[in-house]
PDB file of all heavy atoms in Angstrom:
ATOM      1  N   GLU A   1     164.991  86.830  93.711  1.00  0.00           N
ATOM      2  CA  GLU A   1     164.615  86.146  94.951  1.00  0.00           C
ATOM      3  C   GLU A   1     164.631  87.108  96.138  1.00  0.00           C
ATOM      4  O   GLU A   1     163.760  87.043  97.010  1.00  0.00           O
ATOM      5  CB  GLU A   1     165.569  84.976  95.206  1.00  0.00           C
ATOM      6  CG  GLU A   1     165.393  83.824  94.223  1.00  0.00           C
ATOM      7  CD  GLU A   1     166.475  82.770  94.362  1.00  0.00           C
ATOM      8  OE1 GLU A   1     167.459  83.004  95.113  1.00  0.00           O
ATOM      9  OE2 GLU A   1     166.365  81.711  93.714  1.00  0.00           O
ATOM     10  N   PHE A   2     165.610  88.018  96.175  1.00  0.00           N
ATOM     11  CA  PHE A   2     165.691  89.003  97.249  1.00  0.00           C
ATOM     12  C   PHE A   2     164.466  89.909  97.246  1.00  0.00           C
ATOM     13  O   PHE A   2     163.850  90.161  98.295  1.00  0.00           O
ATOM     14  CB  PHE A   2     166.965  89.838  97.089  1.00  0.00           C
ATOM     15  CG  PHE A   2     167.041  91.033  97.999  1.00  0.00           C
ATOM     16  CD1 PHE A   2     167.513  90.894  99.290  1.00  0.00           C
ATOM     17  CD2 PHE A   2     166.631  92.285  97.561  1.00  0.00           C
ATOM     18  CE1 PHE A   2     167.569  92.002 100.147  1.00  0.00           C
ATOM     19  CE2 PHE A   2     166.686  93.386  98.400  1.00  0.00           C
ATOM     20  CZ  PHE A   2     167.151  93.253  99.694  1.00  0.00           C
ATOM     21  N   LEU A   3     164.111  90.416  96.081  1.00  0.00           N
ATOM     22  CA  LEU A   3     162.957  91.318  95.985  1.00  0.00           C
ATOM     23  C   LEU A   3     161.668  90.610  96.393  1.00  0.00           C
ATOM     24  O   LEU A   3     160.840  91.170  97.122  1.00  0.00           O
ATOM     25  CB  LEU A   3     162.847  91.855  94.560  1.00  0.00           C
ATOM     26  CG  LEU A   3     163.997  92.763  94.100  1.00  0.00           C
ATOM     27  CD1 LEU A   3     163.865  93.077  92.619  1.00  0.00           C
ATOM     28  CD2 LEU A   3     164.040  94.044  94.915  1.00  0.00           C
ATOM     29  N   THR A   4     161.502  89.389  95.939  1.00  0.00           N
ATOM     30  CA  THR A   4     160.296  88.624  96.293  1.00  0.00           C
ATOM     31  C   THR A   4     160.248  88.354  97.784  1.00  0.00           C
ATOM     32  O   THR A   4     159.199  88.505  98.425  1.00  0.00           O
ATOM     33  CB  THR A   4     160.272  87.304  95.514  1.00  0.00           C
ATOM     34  OG1 THR A   4     160.294  87.579  94.109  1.00  0.00           O
ATOM     35  CG2 THR A   4     159.029  86.497  95.844  1.00  0.00           C
ATOM     36  N   ALA A   5     161.389  87.943  98.365  1.00  0.00           N
ATOM     37  CA  ALA A   5     161.439  87.622  99.792  1.00  0.00           C
ATOM     38  C   ALA A   5     161.161  88.840 100.660  1.00  0.00           C
ATOM     39  O   ALA A   5     160.684  88.706 101.799  1.00  0.00           O
ATOM     40  CB  ALA A   5     162.802  87.034 100.140  1.00  0.00           C
ATOM     41  N   HIS A   6     161.452  90.039 100.137  1.00  0.00           N
ATOM     42  CA  HIS A   6     161.257  91.262 100.913  1.00  0.00           C
ATOM     43  C   HIS A   6     160.021  92.043 100.453  1.00  0.00           C
ATOM     44  O   HIS A   6     159.912  93.255 100.702  1.00  0.00           O
ATOM     45  CB  HIS A   6     162.503  92.142 100.820  1.00  0.00           C
ATOM     46  CG  HIS A   6     163.670  91.583 101.571  1.00  0.00           C
ATOM     47  ND1 HIS A   6     164.482  90.595 101.042  1.00  0.00           N
ATOM     48  CD2 HIS A   6     164.147  91.838 102.820  1.00  0.00           C
ATOM     49  CE1 HIS A   6     165.420  90.284 101.931  1.00  0.00           C
ATOM     50  NE2 HIS A   6     165.241  91.005 103.011  1.00  0.00           N
ATOM     51  N   ALA A   7     159.085  91.346  99.839  1.00  0.00           N
ATOM     52  CA  ALA A   7     157.776  91.910  99.483  1.00  0.00           C
ATOM     53  C   ALA A   7     157.892  93.167  98.630  1.00  0.00           C
ATOM     54  O   ALA A   7     157.142  94.133  98.805  1.00  0.00           O
ATOM     55  CB  ALA A   7     156.965  92.198 100.753  1.00  0.00           C
ATOM     56  N   LEU A   8     158.843  93.163  97.706  1.00  0.00           N
ATOM     57  CA  LEU A   8     158.957  94.243  96.738  1.00  0.00           C
ATOM     58  C   LEU A   8     158.631  93.680  95.356  1.00  0.00           C
ATOM     59  O   LEU A   8     159.421  92.945  94.768  1.00  0.00           O
ATOM     60  CB  LEU A   8     160.366  94.836  96.750  1.00  0.00           C
ATOM     61  CG  LEU A   8     160.734  95.721  97.946  1.00  0.00           C
ATOM     62  CD1 LEU A   8     162.191  96.141  97.875  1.00  0.00           C
ATOM     63  CD2 LEU A   8     159.837  96.959  98.021  1.00  0.00           C
ATOM     64  N   GLN A   9     157.453  94.025  94.877  1.00  0.00           N
ATOM     65  CA  GLN A   9     157.052  93.550  93.563  1.00  0.00           C
ATOM     66  C   GLN A   9     157.861  94.270  92.484  1.00  0.00           C
ATOM     67  O   GLN A   9     158.383  95.368  92.702  1.00  0.00           O
ATOM     68  CB  GLN A   9     155.564  93.790  93.346  1.00  0.00           C
ATOM     69  CG  GLN A   9     154.670  93.027  94.326  1.00  0.00           C
ATOM     70  CD  GLN A   9     153.202  93.340  94.113  1.00  0.00           C
ATOM     71  OE1 GLN A   9     152.847  94.366  93.521  1.00  0.00           O
ATOM     72  NE2 GLN A   9     152.342  92.460  94.608  1.00  0.00           N
ATOM     73  N   PHE A  10     157.958  93.647  91.319  1.00  0.00           N
ATOM     74  CA  PHE A  10     158.647  94.288  90.201  1.00  0.00           C
ATOM     75  C   PHE A  10     158.026  93.812  88.902  1.00  0.00           C
ATOM     76  O   PHE A  10     157.408  92.749  88.830  1.00  0.00           O
ATOM     77  CB  PHE A  10     160.151  94.011  90.235  1.00  0.00           C
ATOM     78  CG  PHE A  10     160.521  92.546  90.186  1.00  0.00           C
ATOM     79  CD1 PHE A  10     160.765  91.912  88.979  1.00  0.00           C
ATOM     80  CD2 PHE A  10     160.614  91.800  91.353  1.00  0.00           C
ATOM     81  CE1 PHE A  10     161.106  90.561  88.928  1.00  0.00           C
ATOM     82  CE2 PHE A  10     160.949  90.453  91.320  1.00  0.00           C
ATOM     83  CZ  PHE A  10     161.203  89.840  90.108  1.00  0.00           C
ATOM     84  N   SER A  11     158.202  94.612  87.855  1.00  0.00           N
ATOM     85  CA  SER A  11     157.602  94.293  86.553  1.00  0.00           C
ATOM     86  C   SER A  11     158.503  93.393  85.723  1.00  0.00           C
ATOM     87  O   SER A  11     158.049  92.427  85.109  1.00  0.00           O
ATOM     88  CB  SER A  11     157.307  95.584  85.783  1.00  0.00           C
ATOM     89  OG  SER A  11     156.403  96.390  86.506  1.00  0.00           O
ATOM     90  N   SER A  12     159.797  93.716  85.665  1.00  0.00           N
ATOM     91  CA  SER A  12     160.727  92.920  84.857  1.00  0.00           C
ATOM     92  C   SER A  12     162.127  93.056  85.431  1.00  0.00           C
ATOM     93  O   SER A  12     162.426  94.000  86.169  1.00  0.00           O
ATOM     94  CB  SER A  12     160.723  93.386  83.394  1.00  0.00           C
ATOM     95  OG  SER A  12     161.239  94.713  83.300  1.00  0.00           O
ATOM     96  N   ILE A  13     162.978  92.087  85.078  1.00  0.00           N
ATOM     97  CA  ILE A  13     164.377  92.147  85.499  1.00  0.00           C
ATOM     98  C   ILE A  13     165.255  91.686  84.337  1.00  0.00           C
ATOM     99  O   ILE A  13     165.060  90.611  83.789  1.00  0.00           O
ATOM    100  CB  ILE A  13     164.625  91.308  86.775  1.00  0.00           C
ATOM    101  CG1 ILE A  13     166.099  91.372  87.187  1.00  0.00           C
ATOM    102  CG2 ILE A  13     164.180  89.867  86.596  1.00  0.00           C
ATOM    103  CD1 ILE A  13     166.359  90.828  88.584  1.00  0.00           C
ATOM    104  N   GLU A  14     166.193  92.547  83.944  1.00  0.00           N
ATOM    105  CA  GLU A  14     167.116  92.247  82.858  1.00  0.00           C
ATOM    106  C   GLU A  14     168.529  92.150  83.431  1.00  0.00           C
ATOM    107  O   GLU A  14     168.878  92.882  84.366  1.00  0.00           O
ATOM    108  CB  GLU A  14     167.078  93.343  81.790  1.00  0.00           C
ATOM    109  CG  GLU A  14     165.740  93.511  81.093  1.00  0.00           C
ATOM    110  CD  GLU A  14     165.386  92.329  80.205  1.00  0.00           C
ATOM    111  OE1 GLU A  14     166.333  91.636  79.739  1.00  0.00           O
ATOM    112  OE2 GLU A  14     164.196  92.100  79.973  1.00  0.00           O
ATOM    113  N   ALA A  15     169.320  91.256  82.869  1.00  0.00           N
ATOM    114  CA  ALA A  15     170.695  91.079  83.325  1.00  0.00           C
ATOM    115  C   ALA A  15     171.664  91.462  82.214  1.00  0.00           C
ATOM    116  O   ALA A  15     171.417  91.185  81.037  1.00  0.00           O
ATOM    117  CB  ALA A  15     170.927  89.634  83.752  1.00  0.00           C
ATOM    118  N   TYR A  16     172.766  92.091  82.594  1.00  0.00           N
ATOM    119  CA  TYR A  16     173.785  92.517  81.648  1.00  0.00           C
ATOM    120  C   TYR A  16     175.159  92.093  82.166  1.00  0.00           C
ATOM    121  O   TYR A  16     175.361  91.897  83.369  1.00  0.00           O
ATOM    122  CB  TYR A  16     173.748  94.037  81.460  1.00  0.00           C
ATOM    123  CG  TYR A  16     172.388  94.568  81.073  1.00  0.00           C
ATOM    124  CD1 TYR A  16     171.706  95.463  81.899  1.00  0.00           C
ATOM    125  CD2 TYR A  16     171.780  94.173  79.889  1.00  0.00           C
ATOM    126  CE1 TYR A  16     170.457  95.955  81.547  1.00  0.00           C
ATOM    127  CE2 TYR A  16     170.531  94.661  79.528  1.00  0.00           C
ATOM    128  CZ  TYR A  16     169.868  95.548  80.363  1.00  0.00           C
ATOM    129  OH  TYR A  16     168.638  96.006  80.021  1.00  0.00           O
ATOM    130  N   SER A  17     176.116  91.976  81.241  1.00  0.00           N
ATOM    131  CA  SER A  17     177.458  91.582  81.662  1.00  0.00           C
ATOM    132  C   SER A  17     178.478  91.911  80.586  1.00  0.00           C
ATOM    133  O   SER A  17     178.161  91.965  79.393  1.00  0.00           O
ATOM    134  CB  SER A  17     177.515  90.088  81.971  1.00  0.00           C
ATOM    135  OG  SER A  17     177.236  89.326  80.807  1.00  0.00           O
ATOM    136  N   THR A  18     179.696  92.141  81.029  1.00  0.00           N
ATOM    137  CA  THR A  18     180.886  92.200  80.180  1.00  0.00           C
ATOM    138  C   THR A  18     181.990  91.546  81.000  1.00  0.00           C
ATOM    139  O   THR A  18     181.765  91.148  82.143  1.00  0.00           O
ATOM    140  CB  THR A  18     181.283  93.661  79.834  1.00  0.00           C
ATOM    141  OG1 THR A  18     181.898  94.264  80.979  1.00  0.00           O
ATOM    142  CG2 THR A  18     180.089  94.483  79.390  1.00  0.00           C
ATOM    143  N   PRO A  19     183.210  91.455  80.466  1.00  0.00           N
ATOM    144  CA  PRO A  19     184.277  90.866  81.282  1.00  0.00           C
ATOM    145  C   PRO A  19     184.545  91.637  82.571  1.00  0.00           C
ATOM    146  O   PRO A  19     185.090  91.082  83.519  1.00  0.00           O
ATOM    147  CB  PRO A  19     185.500  90.931  80.350  1.00  0.00           C
ATOM    148  CG  PRO A  19     184.946  91.037  78.981  1.00  0.00           C
ATOM    149  CD  PRO A  19     183.654  91.749  79.090  1.00  0.00           C
ATOM    150  N   ARG A  20     184.127  92.924  82.630  1.00  0.00           N
ATOM    151  CA  ARG A  20     184.455  93.775  83.790  1.00  0.00           C
ATOM    152  C   ARG A  20     183.246  94.155  84.624  1.00  0.00           C
ATOM    153  O   ARG A  20     183.377  94.955  85.557  1.00  0.00           O
ATOM    154  CB  ARG A  20     185.132  95.063  83.307  1.00  0.00           C
ATOM    155  CG  ARG A  20     186.434  94.837  82.565  1.00  0.00           C
ATOM    156  CD  ARG A  20     186.988  96.160  82.057  1.00  0.00           C
ATOM    157  NE  ARG A  20     187.420  97.041  83.133  1.00  0.00           N
ATOM    158  CZ  ARG A  20     187.338  98.371  83.097  1.00  0.00           C
ATOM    159  NH1 ARG A  20     186.806  98.972  82.038  1.00  0.00           N
ATOM    160  NH2 ARG A  20     187.778  99.093  84.096  1.00  0.00           N
ATOM    161  N   ARG A  21     182.072  93.598  84.325  1.00  0.00           N
ATOM    162  CA  ARG A  21     180.908  94.044  85.084  1.00  0.00           C
ATOM    163  C   ARG A  21     179.788  93.012  85.023  1.00  0.00           C
ATOM    164  O   ARG A  21     179.629  92.282  84.039  1.00  0.00           O
ATOM    165  CB  ARG A  21     180.416  95.400  84.588  1.00  0.00           C
ATOM    166  CG  ARG A  21     179.807  95.391  83.203  1.00  0.00           C
ATOM    167  CD  ARG A  21     179.789  96.784  82.604  1.00  0.00           C
ATOM    168  NE  ARG A  21     181.114  97.180  82.145  1.00  0.00           N
ATOM    169  CZ  ARG A  21     181.725  98.323  82.479  1.00  0.00           C
ATOM    170  NH1 ARG A  21     181.121  99.192  83.255  1.00  0.00           N
ATOM    171  NH2 ARG A  21     182.924  98.603  82.003  1.00  0.00           N
ATOM    172  N   LEU A  22     179.027  92.967  86.116  1.00  0.00           N
ATOM    173  CA  LEU A  22     177.780  92.205  86.193  1.00  0.00           C
ATOM    174  C   LEU A  22     176.710  93.189  86.627  1.00  0.00           C
ATOM    175  O   LEU A  22     176.926  93.967  87.570  1.00  0.00           O
ATOM    176  CB  LEU A  22     177.888  91.073  87.221  1.00  0.00           C
ATOM    177  CG  LEU A  22     178.986  90.033  87.005  1.00  0.00           C
ATOM    178  CD1 LEU A  22     179.123  89.134  88.233  1.00  0.00           C
ATOM    179  CD2 LEU A  22     178.689  89.191  85.769  1.00  0.00           C
ATOM    180  N   ALA A  23     175.562  93.165  85.962  1.00  0.00           N
ATOM    181  CA  ALA A  23     174.546  94.167  86.275  1.00  0.00           C
ATOM    182  C   ALA A  23     173.142  93.608  86.122  1.00  0.00           C
ATOM    183  O   ALA A  23     172.912  92.672  85.339  1.00  0.00           O
ATOM    184  CB  ALA A  23     174.724  95.391  85.368  1.00  0.00           C
ATOM    185  N   VAL A  24     172.203  94.215  86.880  1.00  0.00           N
ATOM    186  CA  VAL A  24     170.775  93.937  86.697  1.00  0.00           C
ATOM    187  C   VAL A  24     170.034  95.263  86.656  1.00  0.00           C
ATOM    188  O   VAL A  24     170.406  96.231  87.336  1.00  0.00           O
ATOM    189  CB  VAL A  24     170.194  93.047  87.821  1.00  0.00           C
ATOM    190  CG1 VAL A  24     170.667  91.618  87.680  1.00  0.00           C
ATOM    191  CG2 VAL A  24     170.514  93.588  89.204  1.00  0.00           C
ATOM    192  N   TYR A  25     168.981  95.283  85.852  1.00  0.00           N
ATOM    193  CA  TYR A  25     168.104  96.448  85.730  1.00  0.00           C
ATOM    194  C   TYR A  25     166.687  95.952  85.974  1.00  0.00           C
ATOM    195  O   TYR A  25     166.188  95.109  85.235  1.00  0.00           O
ATOM    196  CB  TYR A  25     168.250  97.062  84.338  1.00  0.00           C
ATOM    197  CG  TYR A  25     167.284  98.187  84.031  1.00  0.00           C
ATOM    198  CD1 TYR A  25     167.354  99.395  84.722  1.00  0.00           C
ATOM    199  CD2 TYR A  25     166.314  98.035  83.051  1.00  0.00           C
ATOM    200  CE1 TYR A  25     166.477 100.433  84.435  1.00  0.00           C
ATOM    201  CE2 TYR A  25     165.434  99.070  82.742  1.00  0.00           C
ATOM    202  CZ  TYR A  25     165.519 100.268  83.442  1.00  0.00           C
ATOM    203  OH  TYR A  25     164.643 101.287  83.158  1.00  0.00           O
ATOM    204  N   VAL A  26     166.063  96.477  87.043  1.00  0.00           N
ATOM    205  CA  VAL A  26     164.750  95.992  87.469  1.00  0.00           C
ATOM    206  C   VAL A  26     163.747  97.128  87.355  1.00  0.00           C
ATOM    207  O   VAL A  26     163.996  98.239  87.863  1.00  0.00           O
ATOM    208  CB  VAL A  26     164.789  95.482  88.924  1.00  0.00           C
ATOM    209  CG1 VAL A  26     163.491  94.759  89.268  1.00  0.00           C
ATOM    210  CG2 VAL A  26     165.983  94.560  89.152  1.00  0.00           C
ATOM    211  N   THR A  27     162.621  96.872  86.722  1.00  0.00           N
ATOM    212  CA  THR A  27     161.609  97.919  86.535  1.00  0.00           C
ATOM    213  C   THR A  27     160.410  97.685  87.444  1.00  0.00           C
ATOM    214  O   THR A  27     160.126  96.564  87.866  1.00  0.00           O
ATOM    215  CB  THR A  27     161.122  97.957  85.082  1.00  0.00           C
ATOM    216  OG1 THR A  27     160.467  96.709  84.771  1.00  0.00           O
ATOM    217  CG2 THR A  27     162.280  98.164  84.120  1.00  0.00           C
ATOM    218  N   GLY A  28     159.727  98.799  87.719  1.00  0.00           N
ATOM    219  CA  GLY A  28     158.426  98.724  88.391  1.00  0.00           C
ATOM    220  C   GLY A  28     158.463  98.354  89.853  1.00  0.00           C
ATOM    221  O   GLY A  28     157.538  97.688  90.350  1.00  0.00           O
ATOM    222  N   ILE A  29     159.470  98.811  90.597  1.00  0.00           N
ATOM    223  CA  ILE A  29     159.529  98.529  92.034  1.00  0.00           C
ATOM    224  C   ILE A  29     158.816  99.659  92.774  1.00  0.00           C
ATOM    225  O   ILE A  29     159.133 100.835  92.574  1.00  0.00           O
ATOM    226  CB  ILE A  29     160.986  98.422  92.525  1.00  0.00           C
ATOM    227  CG1 ILE A  29     161.719  97.296  91.785  1.00  0.00           C
ATOM    228  CG2 ILE A  29     161.042  98.181  94.028  1.00  0.00           C
ATOM    229  CD1 ILE A  29     163.189  97.190  92.136  1.00  0.00           C
ATOM    230  N   PRO A  30     157.860  99.358  93.652  1.00  0.00           N
ATOM    231  CA  PRO A  30     157.170 100.417  94.402  1.00  0.00           C
ATOM    232  C   PRO A  30     158.119 101.116  95.367  1.00  0.00           C
ATOM    233  O   PRO A  30     159.164 100.578  95.742  1.00  0.00           O
ATOM    234  CB  PRO A  30     156.065  99.658  95.147  1.00  0.00           C
ATOM    235  CG  PRO A  30     156.561  98.261  95.243  1.00  0.00           C
ATOM    236  CD  PRO A  30     157.374  98.023  93.998  1.00  0.00           C
ATOM    237  N   GLU A  31     157.739 102.320  95.791  1.00  0.00           N
ATOM    238  CA  GLU A  31     158.609 103.106  96.666  1.00  0.00           C
ATOM    239  C   GLU A  31     158.664 102.548  98.079  1.00  0.00           C
ATOM    240  O   GLU A  31     159.556 102.903  98.852  1.00  0.00           O
ATOM    241  CB  GLU A  31     158.158 104.564  96.693  1.00  0.00           C
ATOM    242  CG  GLU A  31     158.369 105.269  95.357  1.00  0.00           C
ATOM    243  CD  GLU A  31     158.174 106.766  95.471  1.00  0.00           C
ATOM    244  OE1 GLU A  31     158.989 107.415  96.161  1.00  0.00           O
ATOM    245  OE2 GLU A  31     157.208 107.278  94.882  1.00  0.00           O
ATOM    246  N   SER A  32     157.717 101.708  98.422  1.00  0.00           N
ATOM    247  CA  SER A  32     157.766 101.078  99.744  1.00  0.00           C
ATOM    248  C   SER A  32     157.081  99.724  99.672  1.00  0.00           C
ATOM    249  O   SER A  32     156.304  99.447  98.750  1.00  0.00           O
ATOM    250  CB  SER A  32     157.083 101.958 100.796  1.00  0.00           C
ATOM    251  OG  SER A  32     155.697 102.068 100.528  1.00  0.00           O
ATOM    252  N   GLN A  33     157.385  98.909 100.672  1.00  0.00           N
ATOM    253  CA  GLN A  33     156.688  97.633 100.784  1.00  0.00           C
ATOM    254  C   GLN A  33     155.213  97.878 101.082  1.00  0.00           C
ATOM    255  O   GLN A  33     154.857  98.896 101.676  1.00  0.00           O
ATOM    256  CB  GLN A  33     157.288  96.801 101.925  1.00  0.00           C
ATOM    257  CG  GLN A  33     158.722  96.375 101.744  1.00  0.00           C
ATOM    258  CD  GLN A  33     159.275  95.742 103.004  1.00  0.00           C
ATOM    259  OE1 GLN A  33     159.020  96.221 104.106  1.00  0.00           O
ATOM    260  NE2 GLN A  33     160.049  94.671 102.846  1.00  0.00           N
ATOM    261  N   SER A  34     154.376  96.965 100.697  1.00  0.00           N
ATOM    262  CA  SER A  34     152.955  97.069 101.034  1.00  0.00           C
ATOM    263  C   SER A  34     152.772  96.821 102.526  1.00  0.00           C
ATOM    264  O   SER A  34     153.495  96.013 103.126  1.00  0.00           O
ATOM    265  CB  SER A  34     152.138  96.050 100.234  1.00  0.00           C
ATOM    266  OG  SER A  34     152.284  96.271  98.854  1.00  0.00           O
ATOM    267  N   ASP A  35     151.817  97.541 103.122  1.00  0.00           N
ATOM    268  CA  ASP A  35     151.460  97.238 104.510  1.00  0.00           C
ATOM    269  C   ASP A  35     150.835  95.855 104.558  1.00  0.00           C
ATOM    270  O   ASP A  35     150.103  95.451 103.640  1.00  0.00           O
ATOM    271  CB  ASP A  35     150.464  98.267 105.050  1.00  0.00           C
ATOM    272  CG  ASP A  35     151.063  99.666 105.123  1.00  0.00           C
ATOM    273  OD1 ASP A  35     152.300  99.767 105.071  1.00  0.00           O
ATOM    274  OD2 ASP A  35     150.293 100.638 105.221  1.00  0.00           O
ATOM    275  N   THR A  36     151.126  95.126 105.620  1.00  0.00           N
ATOM    276  CA  THR A  36     150.584  93.775 105.740  1.00  0.00           C
ATOM    277  C   THR A  36     149.741  93.642 107.001  1.00  0.00           C
ATOM    278  O   THR A  36     149.947  94.366 107.989  1.00  0.00           O
ATOM    279  CB  THR A  36     151.711  92.729 105.791  1.00  0.00           C
ATOM    280  OG1 THR A  36     152.554  92.992 106.908  1.00  0.00           O
ATOM    281  CG2 THR A  36     152.532  92.747 104.523  1.00  0.00           C
ATOM    282  N   GLN A  37     148.794  92.747 106.935  1.00  0.00           N
ATOM    283  CA  GLN A  37     147.920  92.459 108.080  1.00  0.00           C
ATOM    284  C   GLN A  37     147.877  90.951 108.249  1.00  0.00           C
ATOM    285  O   GLN A  37     147.503  90.228 107.330  1.00  0.00           O
ATOM    286  CB  GLN A  37     146.525  93.023 107.833  1.00  0.00           C
ATOM    287  CG  GLN A  37     145.556  92.815 108.983  1.00  0.00           C
ATOM    288  CD  GLN A  37     144.258  93.572 108.774  1.00  0.00           C
ATOM    289  OE1 GLN A  37     144.258  94.798 108.662  1.00  0.00           O
ATOM    290  NE2 GLN A  37     143.155  92.847 108.698  1.00  0.00           N
ATOM    291  N   GLU A  38     148.284  90.491 109.425  1.00  0.00           N
ATOM    292  CA  GLU A  38     148.413  89.058 109.657  1.00  0.00           C
ATOM    293  C   GLU A  38     147.688  88.656 110.932  1.00  0.00           C
ATOM    294  O   GLU A  38     147.830  89.314 111.965  1.00  0.00           O
ATOM    295  CB  GLU A  38     149.895  88.700 109.780  1.00  0.00           C
ATOM    296  CG  GLU A  38     150.177  87.236 110.022  1.00  0.00           C
ATOM    297  CD  GLU A  38     151.652  86.978 110.259  1.00  0.00           C
ATOM    298  OE1 GLU A  38     152.426  87.945 110.374  1.00  0.00           O
ATOM    299  OE2 GLU A  38     152.014  85.792 110.360  1.00  0.00           O
ATOM    300  N   GLU A  39     146.895  87.626 110.841  1.00  0.00           N
ATOM    301  CA  GLU A  39     146.198  87.093 112.017  1.00  0.00           C
ATOM    302  C   GLU A  39     147.077  86.007 112.637  1.00  0.00           C
ATOM    303  O   GLU A  39     147.412  85.019 111.985  1.00  0.00           O
ATOM    304  CB  GLU A  39     144.844  86.512 111.616  1.00  0.00           C
ATOM    305  CG  GLU A  39     143.910  86.320 112.789  1.00  0.00           C
ATOM    306  CD  GLU A  39     142.502  85.962 112.343  1.00  0.00           C
ATOM    307  OE1 GLU A  39     142.362  85.011 111.559  1.00  0.00           O
ATOM    308  OE2 GLU A  39     141.553  86.634 112.775  1.00  0.00           O
TER     309      GLU A  39
END
């Protein structure tokens, strides 16, 4: 939701966990947000 709300597209998101950690691995994020044009 954070990535979508901040106009950062991504290809996939995987979640991992153990009793001592919570993690996400996200692929395909561009190096910058796209330029936008709004009327």
